[in-house]
C-alpha atoms as a PDB file:
ATOM      1  CA  MET A   1      -8.489  14.025  24.846  1.00  0.00           C
ATOM      2  CA  SER A   2      -8.089  10.365  25.776  1.00  0.00           C
ATOM      3  CA  ILE A   3      -8.328   6.958  24.157  1.00  0.00           C
ATOM      4  CA  GLN A   4     -10.348   4.150  25.727  1.00  0.00           C
ATOM      5  CA  VAL A   5      -8.925   0.648  25.223  1.00  0.00           C
ATOM      6  CA  GLU A   6     -11.847  -1.685  24.464  1.00  0.00           C
ATOM      7  CA  GLU A   7      -9.704  -4.622  23.314  1.00  0.00           C
ATOM      8  CA  ALA A   8      -5.961  -4.710  23.902  1.00  0.00           C
ATOM      9  CA  GLY A   9      -4.688  -7.021  21.149  1.00  0.00           C
ATOM     10  CA  LEU A  10      -1.984  -9.624  21.708  1.00  0.00           C
ATOM     11  CA  LEU A  11       0.753  -7.251  22.892  1.00  0.00           C
ATOM     12  CA  THR A  12       0.212  -3.492  22.643  1.00  0.00           C
ATOM     13  CA  THR A  13       2.682  -1.218  24.414  1.00  0.00           C
ATOM     14  CA  VAL A  14       3.659   2.446  24.485  1.00  0.00           C
ATOM     15  CA  GLN A  15       7.061   2.973  22.860  1.00  0.00           C
ATOM     16  CA  ASP A  16       9.270   5.799  21.657  1.00  0.00           C
ATOM     17  CA  LEU A  17      12.903   5.766  20.501  1.00  0.00           C
ATOM     18  CA  GLY A  18      14.166   4.442  23.833  1.00  0.00           C
ATOM     19  CA  ARG A  19      16.353   5.540  26.721  1.00  0.00           C
ATOM     20  CA  PRO A  20      20.045   5.524  25.708  1.00  0.00           C
ATOM     21  CA  GLY A  21      22.732   6.323  28.246  1.00  0.00           C
ATOM     22  CA  TYR A  22      21.824   3.880  31.028  1.00  0.00           C
ATOM     23  CA  ARG A  23      23.694   0.720  30.048  1.00  0.00           C
ATOM     24  CA  HIS A  24      26.077   1.150  32.986  1.00  0.00           C
ATOM     25  CA  PHE A  25      23.008   0.696  35.215  1.00  0.00           C
ATOM     26  CA  GLY A  26      22.023  -2.461  33.353  1.00  0.00           C
ATOM     27  CA  VAL A  27      19.217  -0.736  31.417  1.00  0.00           C
ATOM     28  CA  MET A  28      19.086  -1.227  27.655  1.00  0.00           C
ATOM     29  CA  PRO A  29      17.725   1.564  25.432  1.00  0.00           C
ATOM     30  CA  GLY A  30      14.635  -0.478  24.459  1.00  0.00           C
ATOM     31  CA  GLY A  31      12.123   1.515  22.428  1.00  0.00           C
ATOM     32  CA  ALA A  32      10.198   0.691  19.274  1.00  0.00           C
ATOM     33  CA  MET A  33      11.408  -2.511  17.621  1.00  0.00           C
ATOM     34  CA  ASP A  34      10.803  -1.091  14.133  1.00  0.00           C
ATOM     35  CA  GLN A  35      12.058   2.434  14.673  1.00  0.00           C
ATOM     36  CA  GLN A  36      11.709   3.313  10.999  1.00  0.00           C
ATOM     37  CA  ALA A  37       7.939   2.744  11.135  1.00  0.00           C
ATOM     38  CA  ALA A  38       7.606   4.631  14.435  1.00  0.00           C
ATOM     39  CA  VAL A  39       9.600   7.615  13.145  1.00  0.00           C
ATOM     40  CA  LEU A  40       7.787   7.818   9.798  1.00  0.00           C
ATOM     41  CA  SER A  41       4.329   7.674  11.397  1.00  0.00           C
ATOM     42  CA  ASN A  42       5.249  10.583  13.674  1.00  0.00           C
ATOM     43  CA  ILE A  43       6.810  12.672  10.918  1.00  0.00           C
ATOM     44  CA  LEU A  44       3.742  12.264   8.684  1.00  0.00           C
ATOM     45  CA  LEU A  45       1.628  13.768  11.480  1.00  0.00           C
ATOM     46  CA  GLY A  46       3.963  16.686  12.058  1.00  0.00           C
ATOM     47  CA  ASN A  47       5.147  15.215  15.378  1.00  0.00           C
ATOM     48  CA  ALA A  48       8.710  15.071  16.610  1.00  0.00           C
ATOM     49  CA  PRO A  49      10.194  11.677  15.596  1.00  0.00           C
ATOM     50  CA  SER A  50      10.613  10.716  19.257  1.00  0.00           C
ATOM     51  CA  LYS A  51       6.941  11.096  20.246  1.00  0.00           C
ATOM     52  CA  ALA A  52       5.391   8.086  21.980  1.00  0.00           C
ATOM     53  CA  VAL A  53       3.369   5.716  19.781  1.00  0.00           C
ATOM     54  CA  LEU A  54       1.561   2.400  20.263  1.00  0.00           C
ATOM     55  CA  GLU A  55       3.439  -0.721  19.170  1.00  0.00           C
ATOM     56  CA  CYS A  56       0.977  -3.486  18.228  1.00  0.00           C
ATOM     57  CA  THR A  57       2.279  -7.047  17.835  1.00  0.00           C
ATOM     58  CA  LEU A  58       0.602  -9.617  15.544  1.00  0.00           C
ATOM     59  CA  THR A  59      -2.947  -8.530  16.457  1.00  0.00           C
ATOM     60  CA  GLY A  60      -3.960  -4.975  17.202  1.00  0.00           C
ATOM     61  CA  PRO A  61      -6.279  -3.287  19.704  1.00  0.00           C
ATOM     62  CA  CYS A  62      -9.726  -1.711  19.440  1.00  0.00           C
ATOM     63  CA  LEU A  63      -9.674   1.894  20.624  1.00  0.00           C
ATOM     64  CA  ARG A  64     -12.433   4.461  21.254  1.00  0.00           C
ATOM     65  CA  PHE A  65     -11.478   8.117  20.721  1.00  0.00           C
ATOM     66  CA  THR A  66     -13.109  10.660  23.032  1.00  0.00           C
ATOM     67  CA  ALA A  67     -12.139  13.545  20.751  1.00  0.00           C
ATOM     68  CA  ALA A  68     -11.280  14.034  17.098  1.00  0.00           C
ATOM     69  CA  ALA A  69      -7.677  13.212  16.194  1.00  0.00           C
ATOM     70  CA  TRP A  70      -5.295  12.758  13.284  1.00  0.00           C
ATOM     71  CA  ILE A  71      -3.623   9.339  13.232  1.00  0.00           C
ATOM     72  CA  CYS A  72      -1.208   7.346  11.100  1.00  0.00           C
ATOM     73  CA  LEU A  73      -0.457   3.609  10.983  1.00  0.00           C
ATOM     74  CA  MET A  74       2.904   2.318   9.742  1.00  0.00           C
ATOM     75  CA  GLY A  75       4.730  -1.002   9.765  1.00  0.00           C
ATOM     76  CA  ALA A  76       2.745  -4.223   9.397  1.00  0.00           C
ATOM     77  CA  ASP A  77      -0.677  -3.801   7.770  1.00  0.00           C
ATOM     78  CA  MET A  78      -3.295  -4.856  10.349  1.00  0.00           C
ATOM     79  CA  GLN A  79      -6.261  -4.080   8.084  1.00  0.00           C
ATOM     80  CA  ALA A  80      -7.492  -1.268  10.322  1.00  0.00           C
ATOM     81  CA  SER A  81     -10.996   0.181  10.164  1.00  0.00           C
ATOM     82  CA  CYS A  82     -12.677   3.163  11.781  1.00  0.00           C
ATOM     83  CA  ASP A  83     -16.332   2.271  12.335  1.00  0.00           C
ATOM     84  CA  SER A  84     -17.309   1.229   8.796  1.00  0.00           C
ATOM     85  CA  ARG A  85     -14.450   3.010   7.001  1.00  0.00           C
ATOM     86  CA  ARG A  86     -11.232   1.312   5.944  1.00  0.00           C
ATOM     87  CA  VAL A  87      -8.155   3.091   7.296  1.00  0.00           C
ATOM     88  CA  ALA A  88      -5.513   3.361   4.582  1.00  0.00           C
ATOM     89  CA  HIS A  89      -2.225   1.990   5.850  1.00  0.00           C
ATOM     90  CA  GLY A  90       0.690   4.395   5.877  1.00  0.00           C
ATOM     91  CA  GLN A  91      -1.471   7.494   5.314  1.00  0.00           C
ATOM     92  CA  VAL A  92      -2.684  10.329   7.506  1.00  0.00           C
ATOM     93  CA  PHE A  93      -6.270   9.664   8.633  1.00  0.00           C
ATOM     94  CA  PHE A  94      -8.856  11.699  10.590  1.00  0.00           C
ATOM     95  CA  VAL A  95     -10.846  10.050  13.405  1.00  0.00           C
ATOM     96  CA  GLU A  96     -14.010  11.732  14.652  1.00  0.00           C
ATOM     97  CA  ALA A  97     -14.865  11.987  18.353  1.00  0.00           C
ATOM     98  CA  GLY A  98     -16.573   8.826  19.578  1.00  0.00           C
ATOM     99  CA  GLN A  99     -15.386   6.660  16.698  1.00  0.00           C
ATOM    100  CA  ARG A 100     -13.858   3.208  17.200  1.00  0.00           C
ATOM    101  CA  LEU A 101     -10.544   2.275  15.592  1.00  0.00           C
ATOM    102  CA  SER A 102     -10.066  -1.487  15.157  1.00  0.00           C
ATOM    103  CA  LEU A 103      -6.852  -3.247  14.160  1.00  0.00           C
ATOM    104  CA  GLY A 104      -6.869  -6.895  13.097  1.00  0.00           C
ATOM    105  CA  TYR A 105      -4.178  -9.482  12.368  1.00  0.00           C
ATOM    106  CA  ALA A 106      -0.881  -8.454  10.788  1.00  0.00           C
ATOM    107  CA  ARG A 107      -1.248  -9.364   7.138  1.00  0.00           C
ATOM    108  CA  ASN A 108       2.366  -8.642   6.279  1.00  0.00           C
ATOM    109  CA  GLY A 109       5.016  -8.197   8.906  1.00  0.00           C
ATOM    110  CA  CYS A 110       4.646  -8.524  12.663  1.00  0.00           C
ATOM    111  CA  ARG A 111       4.365  -5.074  14.259  1.00  0.00           C
ATOM    112  CA  SER A 112       2.224  -2.050  13.474  1.00  0.00           C
ATOM    113  CA  TYR A 113       2.725   1.443  14.896  1.00  0.00           C
ATOM    114  CA  LEU A 114      -0.111   3.819  15.691  1.00  0.00           C
ATOM    115  CA  ALA A 115       0.877   7.467  16.000  1.00  0.00           C
ATOM    116  CA  ILE A 116      -1.538  10.189  17.121  1.00  0.00           C
ATOM    117  CA  ARG A 117      -0.906  13.853  16.374  1.00  0.00           C
ATOM    118  CA  GLY A 118       0.473  15.239  19.627  1.00  0.00           C
ATOM    119  CA  GLY A 119       1.705  11.857  20.868  1.00  0.00           C
ATOM    120  CA  VAL A 120       0.638   9.454  23.611  1.00  0.00           C
ATOM    121  CA  ASP A 121       0.990  11.105  27.030  1.00  0.00           C
ATOM    122  CA  VAL A 122       2.617   8.916  29.699  1.00  0.00           C
ATOM    123  CA  PRO A 123       5.163   9.777  32.430  1.00  0.00           C
ATOM    124  CA  LEU A 124       8.788   9.674  31.320  1.00  0.00           C
ATOM    125  CA  VAL A 125      11.144   7.241  33.054  1.00  0.00           C
ATOM    126  CA  MET A 126      14.842   7.971  32.502  1.00  0.00           C
ATOM    127  CA  GLY A 127      13.775  10.426  29.843  1.00  0.00           C
ATOM    128  CA  SER A 128      11.708   7.956  27.823  1.00  0.00           C
ATOM    129  CA  ALA A 129       8.085   6.854  27.442  1.00  0.00           C
ATOM    130  CA  SER A 130       9.082   3.353  26.295  1.00  0.00           C
ATOM    131  CA  THR A 131       7.686   0.314  28.068  1.00  0.00           C
ATOM    132  CA  PHE A 132      10.300  -2.081  29.483  1.00  0.00           C
ATOM    133  CA  LEU A 133       8.215  -5.178  30.137  1.00  0.00           C
ATOM    134  CA  LYS A 134      10.890  -7.227  31.936  1.00  0.00           C
ATOM    135  CA  GLY A 135      11.648  -4.353  34.280  1.00  0.00           C
ATOM    136  CA  GLY A 136       8.023  -3.322  34.764  1.00  0.00           C
ATOM    137  CA  PHE A 137       8.566   0.391  34.178  1.00  0.00           C
ATOM    138  CA  GLY A 138       7.923   3.023  31.535  1.00  0.00           C
ATOM    139  CA  GLY A 139       4.976   3.332  29.175  1.00  0.00           C
ATOM    140  CA  TYR A 140       1.548   2.712  30.696  1.00  0.00           C
ATOM    141  CA  HIS A 141       2.286   1.486  34.253  1.00  0.00           C
ATOM    142  CA  GLY A 142       5.189  -0.592  32.960  1.00  0.00           C
ATOM    143  CA  ARG A 143       2.988  -3.142  31.208  1.00  0.00           C
ATOM    144  CA  ALA A 144       1.118  -3.982  28.041  1.00  0.00           C
ATOM    145  CA  LEU A 145      -2.281  -2.365  27.557  1.00  0.00           C
ATOM    146  CA  ARG A 146      -5.420  -4.091  28.841  1.00  0.00           C
ATOM    147  CA  ALA A 147      -9.113  -3.665  28.121  1.00  0.00           C
ATOM    148  CA  GLY A 148     -10.434  -0.773  30.186  1.00  0.00           C
ATOM    149  CA  ASP A 149      -7.230   1.280  30.149  1.00  0.00           C
ATOM    150  CA  ARG A 150      -7.492   4.959  29.236  1.00  0.00           C
ATOM    151  CA  LEU A 151      -4.595   6.659  27.474  1.00  0.00           C
ATOM    152  CA  ALA A 152      -4.071  10.405  27.527  1.00  0.00           C
ATOM    153  CA  VAL A 153      -2.909  12.229  24.393  1.00  0.00           C
ATOM    154  CA  VAL A 154      -0.728  15.329  24.316  1.00  0.00           C
ATOM    155  CA  LYS A 155      -2.639  18.349  23.056  1.00  0.00           C
ATOM    156  CA  ALA A 156      -1.604  18.811  19.449  1.00  0.00           C
ATOM    157  CA  PRO A 157      -0.945  22.210  17.884  1.00  0.00           C
ATOM    158  CA  ALA A 158      -3.855  23.530  15.855  1.00  0.00           C
ATOM    159  CA  GLY A 159      -3.515  22.587  12.222  1.00  0.00           C
ATOM    160  CA  GLU A 160      -4.589  20.267   9.477  1.00  0.00           C
ATOM    161  CA  PRO A 161      -2.787  18.660   6.535  1.00  0.00           C
ATOM    162  CA  GLN A 162      -3.018  20.008   3.029  1.00  0.00           C
ATOM    163  CA  ARG A 163      -4.628  16.669   2.130  1.00  0.00           C
ATOM    164  CA  GLN A 164      -5.734  13.827   4.366  1.00  0.00           C
ATOM    165  CA  GLY A 165      -4.195  10.859   2.559  1.00  0.00           C
ATOM    166  CA  TRP A 166      -0.624  11.997   2.189  1.00  0.00           C
ATOM    167  CA  TYR A 167       2.035   9.350   2.696  1.00  0.00           C
ATOM    168  CA  ALA A 168       5.765   8.731   2.763  1.00  0.00           C
ATOM    169  CA  SER A 169       7.771   7.872  -0.338  1.00  0.00           C
ATOM    170  CA  PRO A 170       7.664   4.104  -1.057  1.00  0.00           C
ATOM    171  CA  ALA A 171      11.469   4.160  -0.943  1.00  0.00           C
ATOM    172  CA  LEU A 172      11.270   4.709   2.833  1.00  0.00           C
ATOM    173  CA  THR A 173       9.132   1.630   3.401  1.00  0.00           C
ATOM    174  CA  GLU A 174      10.521  -0.760   0.787  1.00  0.00           C
ATOM    175  CA  TYR A 175      12.288  -2.725   3.552  1.00  0.00           C
ATOM    176  CA  LEU A 176       8.861  -4.245   4.327  1.00  0.00           C
ATOM    177  CA  ASP A 177       8.918  -5.955   0.922  1.00  0.00           C
ATOM    178  CA  ARG A 178      12.239  -7.749   1.523  1.00  0.00           C
ATOM    179  CA  ILE A 179      12.471  -8.383   5.247  1.00  0.00           C
ATOM    180  CA  ASN A 180      14.036 -11.843   4.863  1.00  0.00           C
ATOM    181  CA  CYS A 181      17.446 -10.582   3.717  1.00  0.00           C
ATOM    182  CA  ILE A 182      19.379  -9.436   6.808  1.00  0.00           C
ATOM    183  CA  ARG A 183      22.670  -7.627   6.357  1.00  0.00           C
ATOM    184  CA  TYR A 184      25.310  -8.057   9.047  1.00  0.00           C
ATOM    185  CA  PHE A 185      28.879  -6.983   9.766  1.00  0.00           C
ATOM    186  CA  PRO A 186      31.000 -10.047  10.631  1.00  0.00           C
ATOM    187  CA  ASP A 187      33.144 -10.017  13.761  1.00  0.00           C
ATOM    188  CA  ILE A 188      36.587  -9.357  12.322  1.00  0.00           C
ATOM    189  CA  THR A 189      38.272 -10.984  15.350  1.00  0.00           C
ATOM    190  CA  ILE A 190      36.946 -14.418  14.342  1.00  0.00           C
ATOM    191  CA  SER A 191      39.454 -16.346  12.233  1.00  0.00           C
ATOM    192  CA  ARG A 192      38.440 -19.990  12.592  1.00  0.00           C
ATOM    193  CA  PHE A 193      34.673 -19.783  12.157  1.00  0.00           C
ATOM    194  CA  PRO A 194      33.533 -20.904   8.663  1.00  0.00           C
ATOM    195  CA  ARG A 195      31.274 -17.980   7.813  1.00  0.00           C
ATOM    196  CA  GLN A 196      29.856 -19.755   4.799  1.00  0.00           C
ATOM    197  CA  GLN A 197      27.956 -22.128   7.127  1.00  0.00           C
ATOM    198  CA  LEU A 198      26.073 -19.130   8.504  1.00  0.00           C
ATOM    199  CA  GLU A 199      25.543 -17.400   5.163  1.00  0.00           C
ATOM    200  CA  ALA A 200      24.700 -20.432   3.008  1.00  0.00           C
ATOM    201  CA  GLN A 201      21.512 -21.443   4.797  1.00  0.00           C
ATOM    202  CA  SER A 202      18.146 -20.007   5.770  1.00  0.00           C
ATOM    203  CA  PHE A 203      17.066 -19.838   9.423  1.00  0.00           C
ATOM    204  CA  THR A 204      13.522 -20.005  10.757  1.00  0.00           C
ATOM    205  CA  VAL A 205      12.304 -17.642  13.490  1.00  0.00           C
ATOM    206  CA  SER A 206      11.461 -19.674  16.599  1.00  0.00           C
ATOM    207  CA  GLN A 207       8.297 -19.376  18.697  1.00  0.00           C
ATOM    208  CA  GLN A 208      10.581 -18.414  21.615  1.00  0.00           C
ATOM    209  CA  SER A 209      11.388 -15.041  20.027  1.00  0.00           C
ATOM    210  CA  ASP A 210      10.417 -11.799  21.769  1.00  0.00           C
ATOM    211  CA  ARG A 211      11.556  -8.225  22.371  1.00  0.00           C
ATOM    212  CA  MET A 212      14.731  -9.492  24.082  1.00  0.00           C
ATOM    213  CA  GLY A 213      15.924 -11.638  21.220  1.00  0.00           C
ATOM    214  CA  TYR A 214      15.033 -13.666  18.144  1.00  0.00           C
ATOM    215  CA  ARG A 215      15.946 -17.343  18.474  1.00  0.00           C
ATOM    216  CA  LEU A 216      16.618 -18.971  15.118  1.00  0.00           C
ATOM    217  CA  ARG A 217      16.385 -22.578  13.975  1.00  0.00           C
ATOM    218  CA  GLY A 218      18.463 -24.179  11.215  1.00  0.00           C
ATOM    219  CA  LYS A 219      21.394 -26.509  10.712  1.00  0.00           C
ATOM    220  CA  ALA A 220      23.399 -26.215  13.931  1.00  0.00           C
ATOM    221  CA  LEU A 221      26.545 -24.126  13.586  1.00  0.00           C
ATOM    222  CA  PRO A 222      29.785 -25.793  14.744  1.00  0.00           C
ATOM    223  CA  ARG A 223      31.654 -24.536  17.774  1.00  0.00           C
ATOM    224  CA  TRP A 224      34.823 -22.748  16.743  1.00  0.00           C
ATOM    225  CA  LEU A 225      36.106 -21.932  20.234  1.00  0.00           C
ATOM    226  CA  ASP A 226      37.646 -24.493  22.574  1.00  0.00           C
ATOM    227  CA  HIS A 227      36.852 -22.336  25.614  1.00  0.00           C
ATOM    228  CA  GLU A 228      34.018 -20.203  26.917  1.00  0.00           C
ATOM    229  CA  PRO A 229      34.606 -16.504  26.160  1.00  0.00           C
ATOM    230  CA  LEU A 230      34.470 -13.843  28.841  1.00  0.00           C
ATOM    231  CA  SER A 231      31.272 -11.813  29.105  1.00  0.00           C
ATOM    232  CA  GLU A 232      31.321  -8.682  26.986  1.00  0.00           C
ATOM    233  CA  GLY A 233      29.022  -5.817  26.150  1.00  0.00           C
ATOM    234  CA  VAL A 234      26.193  -6.581  23.725  1.00  0.00           C
ATOM    235  CA  CYS A 235      23.480  -4.529  22.065  1.00  0.00           C
ATOM    236  CA  ALA A 236      20.509  -4.865  19.734  1.00  0.00           C
ATOM    237  CA  GLY A 237      21.646  -6.696  16.606  1.00  0.00           C
ATOM    238  CA  THR A 238      24.398  -8.779  18.218  1.00  0.00           C
ATOM    239  CA  ILE A 239      24.418 -12.333  16.781  1.00  0.00           C
ATOM    240  CA  GLN A 240      25.235 -14.885  19.479  1.00  0.00           C
ATOM    241  CA  VAL A 241      25.666 -18.653  19.219  1.00  0.00           C
ATOM    242  CA  PRO A 242      24.892 -20.714  22.342  1.00  0.00           C
ATOM    243  CA  ALA A 243      26.024 -24.303  22.894  1.00  0.00           C
ATOM    244  CA  ASP A 244      23.244 -25.807  20.734  1.00  0.00           C
ATOM    245  CA  GLY A 245      24.594 -24.008  17.643  1.00  0.00           C
ATOM    246  CA  GLN A 246      21.314 -22.158  16.957  1.00  0.00           C
ATOM    247  CA  PRO A 247      21.911 -18.390  16.558  1.00  0.00           C
ATOM    248  CA  ILE A 248      20.206 -15.698  18.613  1.00  0.00           C
ATOM    249  CA  VAL A 249      19.822 -12.128  17.357  1.00  0.00           C
ATOM    250  CA  LEU A 250      19.560  -9.799  20.347  1.00  0.00           C
ATOM    251  CA  MET A 251      16.845  -7.169  20.130  1.00  0.00           C
ATOM    252  CA  ASN A 252      15.863  -3.928  21.873  1.00  0.00           C
ATOM    253  CA  ASP A 253      15.164  -5.276  25.381  1.00  0.00           C
ATOM    254  CA  CYS A 254      18.191  -7.575  25.581  1.00  0.00           C
ATOM    255  CA  GLN A 255      20.650  -7.724  28.465  1.00  0.00           C
ATOM    256  CA  THR A 256      23.665  -5.408  28.530  1.00  0.00           C
ATOM    257  CA  THR A 257      26.337  -8.140  28.646  1.00  0.00           C
ATOM    258  CA  GLY A 258      26.568 -11.704  27.345  1.00  0.00           C
ATOM    259  CA  GLY A 259      28.986 -14.630  27.402  1.00  0.00           C
ATOM    260  CA  TYR A 260      27.999 -16.556  24.278  1.00  0.00           C
ATOM    261  CA  PRO A 261      30.368 -16.423  21.284  1.00  0.00           C
ATOM    262  CA  VAL A 262      29.519 -13.550  18.924  1.00  0.00           C
ATOM    263  CA  LEU A 263      29.494 -13.868  15.136  1.00  0.00           C
ATOM    264  CA  GLY A 264      28.821 -10.280  14.186  1.00  0.00           C
ATOM    265  CA  GLN A 265      26.349  -7.440  14.269  1.00  0.00           C
ATOM    266  CA  VAL A 266      23.157  -6.886  12.270  1.00  0.00           C
ATOM    267  CA  ILE A 267      23.382  -3.406  10.776  1.00  0.00           C
ATOM    268  CA  THR A 268      21.181  -0.750  12.377  1.00  0.00           C
ATOM    269  CA  VAL A 269      18.985  -0.265   9.311  1.00  0.00           C
ATOM    270  CA  ASP A 270      18.044  -3.962   9.157  1.00  0.00           C
ATOM    271  CA  LEU A 271      16.906  -4.249  12.786  1.00  0.00           C
ATOM    272  CA  ALA A 272      13.539  -2.991  11.515  1.00  0.00           C
ATOM    273  CA  LYS A 273      13.396  -5.964   9.137  1.00  0.00           C
ATOM    274  CA  ILE A 274      13.931  -8.477  11.937  1.00  0.00           C
ATOM    275  CA  ALA A 275      11.265  -6.718  14.020  1.00  0.00           C
ATOM    276  CA  GLN A 276       8.755  -7.451  11.249  1.00  0.00           C
ATOM    277  CA  LEU A 277       9.466 -11.212  11.120  1.00  0.00           C
ATOM    278  CA  LYS A 278       6.864 -13.542  12.649  1.00  0.00           C
ATOM    279  CA  PRO A 279       7.574 -16.937  14.228  1.00  0.00           C
ATOM    280  CA  GLY A 280       7.896 -19.373  11.329  1.00  0.00           C
ATOM    281  CA  ASP A 281       9.302 -16.784   8.919  1.00  0.00           C
ATOM    282  CA  PHE A 282      12.781 -17.344   7.497  1.00  0.00           C
ATOM    283  CA  LEU A 283      15.804 -15.104   7.110  1.00  0.00           C
ATOM    284  CA  ARG A 284      19.232 -15.219   5.513  1.00  0.00           C
ATOM    285  CA  PHE A 285      22.363 -13.387   6.619  1.00  0.00           C
ATOM    286  CA  VAL A 286      24.269 -11.365   4.035  1.00  0.00           C
ATOM    287  CA  PRO A 287      27.684  -9.905   4.949  1.00  0.00           C
ATOM    288  CA  VAL A 288      28.437  -6.241   4.296  1.00  0.00           C
ATOM    289  CA  THR A 289      31.358  -3.947   4.987  1.00  0.00           C
ATOM    290  CA  LEU A 290      31.332  -1.252   7.617  1.00  0.00           C
ATOM    291  CA  LYS A 291      31.264   1.356   4.844  1.00  0.00           C
ATOM    292  CA  GLU A 292      28.165  -0.248   3.316  1.00  0.00           C
ATOM    293  CA  ALA A 293      26.465  -0.272   6.732  1.00  0.00           C
ATOM    294  CA  HIS A 294      27.249   3.429   7.223  1.00  0.00           C
ATOM    295  CA  THR A 295      25.973   4.254   3.732  1.00  0.00           C
ATOM    296  CA  ALA A 296      22.668   2.472   4.365  1.00  0.00           C
ATOM    297  CA  LEU A 297      22.188   4.339   7.661  1.00  0.00           C
ATOM    298  CA  LYS A 298      23.054   7.680   6.046  1.00  0.00           C
ATOM    299  CA  GLN A 299      20.512   7.092   3.264  1.00  0.00           C
ATOM    300  CA  GLN A 300      17.816   6.215   5.802  1.00  0.00           C
ATOM    301  CA  GLN A 301      18.507   9.368   7.825  1.00  0.00           C
ATOM    302  CA  GLN A 302      18.480  11.534   4.709  1.00  0.00           C
ATOM    303  CA  GLY A 303      15.110  10.098   3.695  1.00  0.00           C
ATOM    304  CA  ARG A 304      13.662  10.895   7.110  1.00  0.00           C
ATOM    305  CA  ALA A 305      15.055  14.427   6.955  1.00  0.00           C
ATOM    306  CA  ARG A 306      13.464  15.059   3.539  1.00  0.00           C
ATOM    307  CA  LEU A 307      10.111  13.790   4.831  1.00  0.00           C
ATOM    308  CA  ALA A 308      10.353  16.046   7.900  1.00  0.00           C
ATOM    309  CA  ILE A 309      10.922  19.086   5.671  1.00  0.00           C
ATOM    310  CA  ALA A 310       7.910  18.121   3.569  1.00  0.00           C
ATOM    311  CA  ALA A 311       5.808  17.727   6.740  1.00  0.00           C
ATOM    312  CA  CYS A 312       6.581  21.316   7.773  1.00  0.00           C
ATOM    313  CA  TYR A 313       5.044  22.536   4.515  1.00  0.00           C
ATOM    314  CA  HIS A 314       2.257  19.978   4.473  1.00  0.00           C
ATOM    315  CA  TRP A 315       0.668  20.955   7.807  1.00  0.00           C
ATOM    316  CA  ARG A 316      -0.888  24.411   7.774  1.00  0.00           C
ATOM    317  CA  GLN A 317      -2.204  26.409  10.699  1.00  0.00           C
ATOM    318  CA  LYS A 318      -5.933  26.957  10.957  1.00  0.00           C
ATOM    319  CA  GLN A 319      -6.964  30.544  10.481  1.00  0.00           C
END
């Protein structure tokens, strides 16, 4: 089967969980910005968590299905409809051959993830289907989707769910209800920086934010170094402070090294929260210990594992 792109939306790309292991070549892992939403949508369909999905930013695409398919939308609610039927967000849904799936504007959050049972079929680059826009490789010809594109879909195993509208536990998606509180682990090597000036104020997400990094606007933070630090390795979640005192949170497609002073690291679990912030939204930084960060990640992984077990029982083979 294939999917015809009739309207592409603002920024729709093919993403999976990224391509780790290539930082020494200057290639960041990339992948879905909200990996929790991407993983959950795949698990609900009985897919492997790493299957390629469509990441839709702010406004979604209009897609025509050439064959029947099971789909699931997670992340930001883009008020999707299939012909005249409303598509329930976060639930397994059946699309008939020839039907048109339309996604609108993100009502809450910023990014929505469309998973199709079987997964989107694109060539792997460095073991991943993720689109790296700055590098022009991966995904669908290394770029965002355009009207007229045709996406192939991996043939899914025969089967159907016990019930069409099954969904993940609300506990797995509750981060969407409190995306403005961002937990971070402070850089323990910093002794002179007054952390309270970072934690006592709210920052606004700038219009200059993208998949490389989120630029924030607030009361400028003071410089606490009297010299420029040497470049060091950075990754998604690193909080940098350039000369203007306005923090930057690096995201999935960021560079591999950076020379700005570093305040700390957003915990892995809360990267999904930042991915769902629109320009103009606000956030606050809340410090946590390394143990608390590990506990949050462990709880998230356990929730995914329980859902995957349920999915094995939920999908039954056709006789």
